[in-house]
Amino acid sequence: LPPRLTASARTLRATALRRGLRIV
């Protein structure tokens, strides 16, 4: 993900974490 997160990026971040993805 980029340095500044949009509301959508934050939603996808939370979804990805819940699904077991590693976030960078």
mmCIF file of all heavy atoms, coordinates in Angstrom:
data_MODEL
# 
_entry.id   MODEL 
# 
loop_
_atom_site.group_PDB 
_atom_site.id 
_atom_site.type_symbol 
_atom_site.label_atom_id 
_atom_site.label_alt_id 
_atom_site.label_comp_id 
_atom_site.label_asym_id 
_atom_site.label_entity_id 
_atom_site.label_seq_id 
_atom_site.pdbx_PDB_ins_code 
_atom_site.Cartn_x 
_atom_site.Cartn_y 
_atom_site.Cartn_z 
_atom_site.occupancy 
_atom_site.B_iso_or_equiv 
_atom_site.pdbx_formal_charge 
_atom_site.auth_seq_id 
_atom_site.auth_comp_id 
_atom_site.auth_asym_id 
_atom_site.auth_atom_id 
_atom_site.pdbx_PDB_model_num 
ATOM 1   N N   . LEU A 1 1  ? 0.832   -1.194  0.000  1.00 0.00 ? 1  LEU A N   1 
ATOM 2   C CA  . LEU A 1 1  ? 0.000   0.000   0.000  1.00 0.00 ? 1  LEU A CA  1 
ATOM 3   C C   . LEU A 1 1  ? 0.870   1.248   0.000  1.00 0.00 ? 1  LEU A C   1 
ATOM 4   O O   . LEU A 1 1  ? 2.011   1.210   0.469  1.00 0.00 ? 1  LEU A O   1 
ATOM 5   C CB  . LEU A 1 1  ? -0.925  0.003   1.228  1.00 0.00 ? 1  LEU A CB  1 
ATOM 6   C CG  . LEU A 1 1  ? -1.922  -1.161  1.327  1.00 0.00 ? 1  LEU A CG  1 
ATOM 7   C CD1 . LEU A 1 1  ? -2.606  -1.163  2.689  1.00 0.00 ? 1  LEU A CD1 1 
ATOM 8   C CD2 . LEU A 1 1  ? -2.956  -1.081  0.210  1.00 0.00 ? 1  LEU A CD2 1 
ATOM 9   N N   . PRO A 1 2  ? 0.357   2.353   -0.494 1.00 0.00 ? 2  PRO A N   1 
ATOM 10  C CA  . PRO A 1 2  ? 1.146   3.585   -0.592 1.00 0.00 ? 2  PRO A CA  1 
ATOM 11  C C   . PRO A 1 2  ? 1.258   4.306   0.755  1.00 0.00 ? 2  PRO A C   1 
ATOM 12  O O   . PRO A 1 2  ? 0.633   3.910   1.739  1.00 0.00 ? 2  PRO A O   1 
ATOM 13  C CB  . PRO A 1 2  ? 0.352   4.419   -1.607 1.00 0.00 ? 2  PRO A CB  1 
ATOM 14  C CG  . PRO A 1 2  ? -1.064  3.983   -1.380 1.00 0.00 ? 2  PRO A CG  1 
ATOM 15  C CD  . PRO A 1 2  ? -0.999  2.522   -1.067 1.00 0.00 ? 2  PRO A CD  1 
ATOM 16  N N   . PRO A 1 3  ? 2.042   5.386   0.802  1.00 0.00 ? 3  PRO A N   1 
ATOM 17  C CA  . PRO A 1 3  ? 2.240   6.098   2.070  1.00 0.00 ? 3  PRO A CA  1 
ATOM 18  C C   . PRO A 1 3  ? 0.961   6.661   2.677  1.00 0.00 ? 3  PRO A C   1 
ATOM 19  O O   . PRO A 1 3  ? 0.782   6.620   3.884  1.00 0.00 ? 3  PRO A O   1 
ATOM 20  C CB  . PRO A 1 3  ? 3.214   7.216   1.696  1.00 0.00 ? 3  PRO A CB  1 
ATOM 21  C CG  . PRO A 1 3  ? 3.916   6.716   0.481  1.00 0.00 ? 3  PRO A CG  1 
ATOM 22  C CD  . PRO A 1 3  ? 2.904   5.911   -0.264 1.00 0.00 ? 3  PRO A CD  1 
ATOM 23  N N   . ARG A 1 4  ? 0.083   7.213   1.854  1.00 0.00 ? 4  ARG A N   1 
ATOM 24  C CA  . ARG A 1 4  ? -1.159  7.802   2.361  1.00 0.00 ? 4  ARG A CA  1 
ATOM 25  C C   . ARG A 1 4  ? -2.333  6.958   1.891  1.00 0.00 ? 4  ARG A C   1 
ATOM 26  O O   . ARG A 1 4  ? -2.522  6.759   0.696  1.00 0.00 ? 4  ARG A O   1 
ATOM 27  C CB  . ARG A 1 4  ? -1.306  9.251   1.891  1.00 0.00 ? 4  ARG A CB  1 
ATOM 28  C CG  . ARG A 1 4  ? -0.342  10.200  2.586  1.00 0.00 ? 4  ARG A CG  1 
ATOM 29  C CD  . ARG A 1 4  ? -0.546  11.640  2.133  1.00 0.00 ? 4  ARG A CD  1 
ATOM 30  N NE  . ARG A 1 4  ? -0.168  11.809  0.742  1.00 0.00 ? 4  ARG A NE  1 
ATOM 31  C CZ  . ARG A 1 4  ? 1.080   12.035  0.331  1.00 0.00 ? 4  ARG A CZ  1 
ATOM 32  N NH1 . ARG A 1 4  ? 2.063   12.070  1.201  1.00 0.00 ? 4  ARG A NH1 1 
ATOM 33  N NH2 . ARG A 1 4  ? 1.351   12.183  -0.947 1.00 0.00 ? 4  ARG A NH2 1 
ATOM 34  N N   . LEU A 1 5  ? -3.142  6.504   2.835  1.00 0.00 ? 5  LEU A N   1 
ATOM 35  C CA  . LEU A 1 5  ? -4.239  5.593   2.522  1.00 0.00 ? 5  LEU A CA  1 
ATOM 36  C C   . LEU A 1 5  ? -5.562  6.343   2.390  1.00 0.00 ? 5  LEU A C   1 
ATOM 37  O O   . LEU A 1 5  ? -5.914  7.161   3.236  1.00 0.00 ? 5  LEU A O   1 
ATOM 38  C CB  . LEU A 1 5  ? -4.380  4.532   3.615  1.00 0.00 ? 5  LEU A CB  1 
ATOM 39  C CG  . LEU A 1 5  ? -3.177  3.636   3.870  1.00 0.00 ? 5  LEU A CG  1 
ATOM 40  C CD1 . LEU A 1 5  ? -3.532  2.543   4.875  1.00 0.00 ? 5  LEU A CD1 1 
ATOM 41  C CD2 . LEU A 1 5  ? -2.643  3.022   2.583  1.00 0.00 ? 5  LEU A CD2 1 
ATOM 42  N N   . THR A 1 6  ? -6.274  6.039   1.322  1.00 0.00 ? 6  THR A N   1 
ATOM 43  C CA  . THR A 1 6  ? -7.640  6.530   1.172  1.00 0.00 ? 6  THR A CA  1 
ATOM 44  C C   . THR A 1 6  ? -8.558  5.695   2.066  1.00 0.00 ? 6  THR A C   1 
ATOM 45  O O   . THR A 1 6  ? -8.155  4.669   2.619  1.00 0.00 ? 6  THR A O   1 
ATOM 46  C CB  . THR A 1 6  ? -8.104  6.392   -0.278 1.00 0.00 ? 6  THR A CB  1 
ATOM 47  O OG1 . THR A 1 6  ? -8.106  4.998   -0.621 1.00 0.00 ? 6  THR A OG1 1 
ATOM 48  C CG2 . THR A 1 6  ? -7.175  7.153   -1.231 1.00 0.00 ? 6  THR A CG2 1 
ATOM 49  N N   . ALA A 1 7  ? -9.810  6.126   2.186  1.00 0.00 ? 7  ALA A N   1 
ATOM 50  C CA  . ALA A 1 7  ? -10.784 5.345   2.954  1.00 0.00 ? 7  ALA A CA  1 
ATOM 51  C C   . ALA A 1 7  ? -10.929 3.952   2.350  1.00 0.00 ? 7  ALA A C   1 
ATOM 52  O O   . ALA A 1 7  ? -11.031 2.944   3.066  1.00 0.00 ? 7  ALA A O   1 
ATOM 53  C CB  . ALA A 1 7  ? -12.124 6.068   2.992  1.00 0.00 ? 7  ALA A CB  1 
ATOM 54  N N   . SER A 1 8  ? -10.919 3.876   1.029  1.00 0.00 ? 8  SER A N   1 
ATOM 55  C CA  . SER A 1 8  ? -11.035 2.582   0.356  1.00 0.00 ? 8  SER A CA  1 
ATOM 56  C C   . SER A 1 8  ? -9.840  1.698   0.662  1.00 0.00 ? 8  SER A C   1 
ATOM 57  O O   . SER A 1 8  ? -9.975  0.501   0.932  1.00 0.00 ? 8  SER A O   1 
ATOM 58  C CB  . SER A 1 8  ? -11.163 2.776   -1.155 1.00 0.00 ? 8  SER A CB  1 
ATOM 59  O OG  . SER A 1 8  ? -11.198 1.545   -1.825 1.00 0.00 ? 8  SER A OG  1 
ATOM 60  N N   . ALA A 1 9  ? -8.632  2.289   0.642  1.00 0.00 ? 9  ALA A N   1 
ATOM 61  C CA  . ALA A 1 9  ? -7.428  1.510   0.926  1.00 0.00 ? 9  ALA A CA  1 
ATOM 62  C C   . ALA A 1 9  ? -7.445  0.984   2.351  1.00 0.00 ? 9  ALA A C   1 
ATOM 63  O O   . ALA A 1 9  ? -7.007  -0.144  2.614  1.00 0.00 ? 9  ALA A O   1 
ATOM 64  C CB  . ALA A 1 9  ? -6.189  2.361   0.681  1.00 0.00 ? 9  ALA A CB  1 
ATOM 65  N N   . ARG A 1 10 ? -7.973  1.776   3.276  1.00 0.00 ? 10 ARG A N   1 
ATOM 66  C CA  . ARG A 1 10 ? -8.063  1.307   4.662  1.00 0.00 ? 10 ARG A CA  1 
ATOM 67  C C   . ARG A 1 10 ? -9.044  0.134   4.769  1.00 0.00 ? 10 ARG A C   1 
ATOM 68  O O   . ARG A 1 10 ? -8.807  -0.824  5.520  1.00 0.00 ? 10 ARG A O   1 
ATOM 69  C CB  . ARG A 1 10 ? -8.476  2.453   5.584  1.00 0.00 ? 10 ARG A CB  1 
ATOM 70  C CG  . ARG A 1 10 ? -7.375  3.483   5.799  1.00 0.00 ? 10 ARG A CG  1 
ATOM 71  C CD  . ARG A 1 10 ? -7.719  4.425   6.943  1.00 0.00 ? 10 ARG A CD  1 
ATOM 72  N NE  . ARG A 1 10 ? -8.831  5.304   6.622  1.00 0.00 ? 10 ARG A NE  1 
ATOM 73  C CZ  . ARG A 1 10 ? -8.707  6.486   6.029  1.00 0.00 ? 10 ARG A CZ  1 
ATOM 74  N NH1 . ARG A 1 10 ? -7.503  6.930   5.666  1.00 0.00 ? 10 ARG A NH1 1 
ATOM 75  N NH2 . ARG A 1 10 ? -9.772  7.237   5.782  1.00 0.00 ? 10 ARG A NH2 1 
ATOM 76  N N   . THR A 1 11 ? -10.136 0.221   4.013  1.00 0.00 ? 11 THR A N   1 
ATOM 77  C CA  . THR A 1 11 ? -11.098 -0.883  4.008  1.00 0.00 ? 11 THR A CA  1 
ATOM 78  C C   . THR A 1 11 ? -10.462 -2.155  3.444  1.00 0.00 ? 11 THR A C   1 
ATOM 79  O O   . THR A 1 11 ? -10.604 -3.247  4.014  1.00 0.00 ? 11 THR A O   1 
ATOM 80  C CB  . THR A 1 11 ? -12.337 -0.512  3.176  1.00 0.00 ? 11 THR A CB  1 
ATOM 81  O OG1 . THR A 1 11 ? -12.995 0.595   3.786  1.00 0.00 ? 11 THR A OG1 1 
ATOM 82  C CG2 . THR A 1 11 ? -13.312 -1.671  3.083  1.00 0.00 ? 11 THR A CG2 1 
ATOM 83  N N   . LEU A 1 12 ? -9.747  -2.020  2.338  1.00 0.00 ? 12 LEU A N   1 
ATOM 84  C CA  . LEU A 1 12 ? -9.105  -3.184  1.735  1.00 0.00 ? 12 LEU A CA  1 
ATOM 85  C C   . LEU A 1 12 ? -7.979  -3.711  2.627  1.00 0.00 ? 12 LEU A C   1 
ATOM 86  O O   . LEU A 1 12 ? -7.739  -4.925  2.688  1.00 0.00 ? 12 LEU A O   1 
ATOM 87  C CB  . LEU A 1 12 ? -8.570  -2.838  0.351  1.00 0.00 ? 12 LEU A CB  1 
ATOM 88  C CG  . LEU A 1 12 ? -9.638  -2.574  -0.721 1.00 0.00 ? 12 LEU A CG  1 
ATOM 89  C CD1 . LEU A 1 12 ? -8.982  -2.182  -2.039 1.00 0.00 ? 12 LEU A CD1 1 
ATOM 90  C CD2 . LEU A 1 12 ? -10.538 -3.784  -0.928 1.00 0.00 ? 12 LEU A CD2 1 
ATOM 91  N N   . ARG A 1 13 ? -7.299  -2.814  3.314  1.00 0.00 ? 13 ARG A N   1 
ATOM 92  C CA  . ARG A 1 13 ? -6.249  -3.235  4.246  1.00 0.00 ? 13 ARG A CA  1 
ATOM 93  C C   . ARG A 1 13 ? -6.846  -4.130  5.337  1.00 0.00 ? 13 ARG A C   1 
ATOM 94  O O   . ARG A 1 13 ? -6.310  -5.212  5.639  1.00 0.00 ? 13 ARG A O   1 
ATOM 95  C CB  . ARG A 1 13 ? -5.571  -2.021  4.865  1.00 0.00 ? 13 ARG A CB  1 
ATOM 96  C CG  . ARG A 1 13 ? -4.461  -2.351  5.851  1.00 0.00 ? 13 ARG A CG  1 
ATOM 97  C CD  . ARG A 1 13 ? -3.986  -1.074  6.549  1.00 0.00 ? 13 ARG A CD  1 
ATOM 98  N NE  . ARG A 1 13 ? -2.800  -1.339  7.341  1.00 0.00 ? 13 ARG A NE  1 
ATOM 99  C CZ  . ARG A 1 13 ? -2.800  -1.837  8.578  1.00 0.00 ? 13 ARG A CZ  1 
ATOM 100 N NH1 . ARG A 1 13 ? -3.955  -2.165  9.151  1.00 0.00 ? 13 ARG A NH1 1 
ATOM 101 N NH2 . ARG A 1 13 ? -1.670  -2.022  9.230  1.00 0.00 ? 13 ARG A NH2 1 
ATOM 102 N N   . ALA A 1 14 ? -7.932  -3.664  5.942  1.00 0.00 ? 14 ALA A N   1 
ATOM 103 C CA  . ALA A 1 14 ? -8.573  -4.445  7.000  1.00 0.00 ? 14 ALA A CA  1 
ATOM 104 C C   . ALA A 1 14 ? -9.063  -5.792  6.464  1.00 0.00 ? 14 ALA A C   1 
ATOM 105 O O   . ALA A 1 14 ? -8.935  -6.829  7.130  1.00 0.00 ? 14 ALA A O   1 
ATOM 106 C CB  . ALA A 1 14 ? -9.730  -3.652  7.605  1.00 0.00 ? 14 ALA A CB  1 
ATOM 107 N N   . THR A 1 15 ? -9.598  -5.786  5.257  1.00 0.00 ? 15 THR A N   1 
ATOM 108 C CA  . THR A 1 15 ? -10.095 -7.027  4.652  1.00 0.00 ? 15 THR A CA  1 
ATOM 109 C C   . THR A 1 15 ? -8.941  -7.986  4.377  1.00 0.00 ? 15 THR A C   1 
ATOM 110 O O   . THR A 1 15 ? -9.042  -9.187  4.641  1.00 0.00 ? 15 THR A O   1 
ATOM 111 C CB  . THR A 1 15 ? -10.843 -6.711  3.348  1.00 0.00 ? 15 THR A CB  1 
ATOM 112 O OG1 . THR A 1 15 ? -11.907 -5.792  3.627  1.00 0.00 ? 15 THR A OG1 1 
ATOM 113 C CG2 . THR A 1 15 ? -11.427 -7.965  2.718  1.00 0.00 ? 15 THR A CG2 1 
ATOM 114 N N   . ALA A 1 16 ? -7.839  -7.445  3.862  1.00 0.00 ? 16 ALA A N   1 
ATOM 115 C CA  . ALA A 1 16 ? -6.683  -8.285  3.565  1.00 0.00 ? 16 ALA A CA  1 
ATOM 116 C C   . ALA A 1 16 ? -6.095  -8.891  4.835  1.00 0.00 ? 16 ALA A C   1 
ATOM 117 O O   . ALA A 1 16 ? -5.734  -10.079 4.860  1.00 0.00 ? 16 ALA A O   1 
ATOM 118 C CB  . ALA A 1 16 ? -5.629  -7.467  2.825  1.00 0.00 ? 16 ALA A CB  1 
ATOM 119 N N   . LEU A 1 17 ? -6.001  -8.108  5.883  1.00 0.00 ? 17 LEU A N   1 
ATOM 120 C CA  . LEU A 1 17 ? -5.486  -8.629  7.150  1.00 0.00 ? 17 LEU A CA  1 
ATOM 121 C C   . LEU A 1 17 ? -6.371  -9.751  7.681  1.00 0.00 ? 17 LEU A C   1 
ATOM 122 O O   . LEU A 1 17 ? -5.886  -10.789 8.154  1.00 0.00 ? 17 LEU A O   1 
ATOM 123 C CB  . LEU A 1 17 ? -5.387  -7.502  8.180  1.00 0.00 ? 17 LEU A CB  1 
ATOM 124 C CG  . LEU A 1 17 ? -4.199  -6.544  8.027  1.00 0.00 ? 17 LEU A CG  1 
ATOM 125 C CD1 . LEU A 1 17 ? -4.347  -5.351  8.954  1.00 0.00 ? 17 LEU A CD1 1 
ATOM 126 C CD2 . LEU A 1 17 ? -2.882  -7.269  8.308  1.00 0.00 ? 17 LEU A CD2 1 
ATOM 127 N N   . ARG A 1 18 ? -7.667  -9.535  7.596  1.00 0.00 ? 18 ARG A N   1 
ATOM 128 C CA  . ARG A 1 18 ? -8.596  -10.551 8.075  1.00 0.00 ? 18 ARG A CA  1 
ATOM 129 C C   . ARG A 1 18 ? -8.461  -11.846 7.285  1.00 0.00 ? 18 ARG A C   1 
ATOM 130 O O   . ARG A 1 18 ? -8.671  -12.936 7.825  1.00 0.00 ? 18 ARG A O   1 
ATOM 131 C CB  . ARG A 1 18 ? -10.030 -10.005 7.989  1.00 0.00 ? 18 ARG A CB  1 
ATOM 132 C CG  . ARG A 1 18 ? -11.107 -10.994 8.411  1.00 0.00 ? 18 ARG A CG  1 
ATOM 133 C CD  . ARG A 1 18 ? -12.469 -10.336 8.499  1.00 0.00 ? 18 ARG A CD  1 
ATOM 134 N NE  . ARG A 1 18 ? -12.806 -9.586  7.314  1.00 0.00 ? 18 ARG A NE  1 
ATOM 135 C CZ  . ARG A 1 18 ? -13.222 -10.122 6.170  1.00 0.00 ? 18 ARG A CZ  1 
ATOM 136 N NH1 . ARG A 1 18 ? -13.319 -11.441 6.065  1.00 0.00 ? 18 ARG A NH1 1 
ATOM 137 N NH2 . ARG A 1 18 ? -13.519 -9.365  5.139  1.00 0.00 ? 18 ARG A NH2 1 
ATOM 138 N N   . ARG A 1 19 ? -8.093  -11.725 6.032  1.00 0.00 ? 19 ARG A N   1 
ATOM 139 C CA  . ARG A 1 19 ? -7.957  -12.906 5.181  1.00 0.00 ? 19 ARG A CA  1 
ATOM 140 C C   . ARG A 1 19 ? -6.559  -13.511 5.221  1.00 0.00 ? 19 ARG A C   1 
ATOM 141 O O   . ARG A 1 19 ? -6.262  -14.451 4.492  1.00 0.00 ? 19 ARG A O   1 
ATOM 142 C CB  . ARG A 1 19 ? -8.351  -12.550 3.748  1.00 0.00 ? 19 ARG A CB  1 
ATOM 143 C CG  . ARG A 1 19 ? -9.825  -12.209 3.631  1.00 0.00 ? 19 ARG A CG  1 
ATOM 144 C CD  . ARG A 1 19 ? -10.249 -11.880 2.224  1.00 0.00 ? 19 ARG A CD  1 
ATOM 145 N NE  . ARG A 1 19 ? -10.042 -13.003 1.314  1.00 0.00 ? 19 ARG A NE  1 
ATOM 146 C CZ  . ARG A 1 19 ? -10.575 -13.077 0.099  1.00 0.00 ? 19 ARG A CZ  1 
ATOM 147 N NH1 . ARG A 1 19 ? -11.364 -12.102 -0.340 1.00 0.00 ? 19 ARG A NH1 1 
ATOM 148 N NH2 . ARG A 1 19 ? -10.339 -14.109 -0.672 1.00 0.00 ? 19 ARG A NH2 1 
ATOM 149 N N   . GLY A 1 20 ? -5.694  -12.960 6.053  1.00 0.00 ? 20 GLY A N   1 
ATOM 150 C CA  . GLY A 1 20 ? -4.381  -13.560 6.250  1.00 0.00 ? 20 GLY A CA  1 
ATOM 151 C C   . GLY A 1 20 ? -3.277  -13.030 5.375  1.00 0.00 ? 20 GLY A C   1 
ATOM 152 O O   . GLY A 1 20 ? -2.188  -13.602 5.329  1.00 0.00 ? 20 GLY A O   1 
ATOM 153 N N   . LEU A 1 21 ? -3.500  -11.943 4.648  1.00 0.00 ? 21 LEU A N   1 
ATOM 154 C CA  . LEU A 1 21 ? -2.441  -11.366 3.838  1.00 0.00 ? 21 LEU A CA  1 
ATOM 155 C C   . LEU A 1 21 ? -1.486  -10.547 4.712  1.00 0.00 ? 21 LEU A C   1 
ATOM 156 O O   . LEU A 1 21 ? -1.892  -9.978  5.726  1.00 0.00 ? 21 LEU A O   1 
ATOM 157 C CB  . LEU A 1 21 ? -3.003  -10.461 2.739  1.00 0.00 ? 21 LEU A CB  1 
ATOM 158 C CG  . LEU A 1 21 ? -3.449  -11.150 1.453  1.00 0.00 ? 21 LEU A CG  1 
ATOM 159 C CD1 . LEU A 1 21 ? -4.752  -11.896 1.652  1.00 0.00 ? 21 LEU A CD1 1 
ATOM 160 C CD2 . LEU A 1 21 ? -3.571  -10.145 0.309  1.00 0.00 ? 21 LEU A CD2 1 
ATOM 161 N N   . ARG A 1 22 ? -0.266  -10.502 4.310  1.00 0.00 ? 22 ARG A N   1 
ATOM 162 C CA  . ARG A 1 22 ? 0.738   -9.643  4.944  1.00 0.00 ? 22 ARG A CA  1 
ATOM 163 C C   . ARG A 1 22 ? 0.609   -8.251  4.320  1.00 0.00 ? 22 ARG A C   1 
ATOM 164 O O   . ARG A 1 22 ? 0.496   -8.126  3.106  1.00 0.00 ? 22 ARG A O   1 
ATOM 165 C CB  . ARG A 1 22 ? 2.127   -10.220 4.695  1.00 0.00 ? 22 ARG A CB  1 
ATOM 166 C CG  . ARG A 1 22 ? 3.301   -9.372  5.163  1.00 0.00 ? 22 ARG A CG  1 
ATOM 167 C CD  . ARG A 1 22 ? 4.595   -10.142 4.891  1.00 0.00 ? 22 ARG A CD  1 
ATOM 168 N NE  . ARG A 1 22 ? 5.769   -9.360  5.214  1.00 0.00 ? 22 ARG A NE  1 
ATOM 169 C CZ  . ARG A 1 22 ? 6.717   -9.040  4.337  1.00 0.00 ? 22 ARG A CZ  1 
ATOM 170 N NH1 . ARG A 1 22 ? 6.587   -9.419  3.065  1.00 0.00 ? 22 ARG A NH1 1 
ATOM 171 N NH2 . ARG A 1 22 ? 7.770   -8.354  4.710  1.00 0.00 ? 22 ARG A NH2 1 
ATOM 172 N N   . ILE A 1 23 ? 0.625   -7.223  5.145  1.00 0.00 ? 23 ILE A N   1 
ATOM 173 C CA  . ILE A 1 23 ? 0.478   -5.851  4.666  1.00 0.00 ? 23 ILE A CA  1 
ATOM 174 C C   . ILE A 1 23 ? 1.805   -5.122  4.773  1.00 0.00 ? 23 ILE A C   1 
ATOM 175 O O   . ILE A 1 23 ? 2.485   -5.178  5.806  1.00 0.00 ? 23 ILE A O   1 
ATOM 176 C CB  . ILE A 1 23 ? -0.587  -5.081  5.479  1.00 0.00 ? 23 ILE A CB  1 
ATOM 177 C CG1 . ILE A 1 23 ? -1.945  -5.773  5.365  1.00 0.00 ? 23 ILE A CG1 1 
ATOM 178 C CG2 . ILE A 1 23 ? -0.681  -3.622  5.013  1.00 0.00 ? 23 ILE A CG2 1 
ATOM 179 C CD1 . ILE A 1 23 ? -2.521  -5.813  3.966  1.00 0.00 ? 23 ILE A CD1 1 
ATOM 180 N N   . VAL A 1 24 ? 2.184   -4.435  3.710  1.00 0.00 ? 24 VAL A N   1 
ATOM 181 C CA  . VAL A 1 24 ? 3.365   -3.582  3.718  1.00 0.00 ? 24 VAL A CA  1 
ATOM 182 C C   . VAL A 1 24 ? 2.927   -2.193  3.297  1.00 0.00 ? 24 VAL A C   1 
ATOM 183 O O   . VAL A 1 24 ? 2.435   -2.002  2.184  1.00 0.00 ? 24 VAL A O   1 
ATOM 184 C CB  . VAL A 1 24 ? 4.455   -4.113  2.758  1.00 0.00 ? 24 VAL A CB  1 
ATOM 185 C CG1 . VAL A 1 24 ? 5.613   -3.130  2.678  1.00 0.00 ? 24 VAL A CG1 1 
ATOM 186 C CG2 . VAL A 1 24 ? 4.960   -5.468  3.220  1.00 0.00 ? 24 VAL A CG2 1 
# 
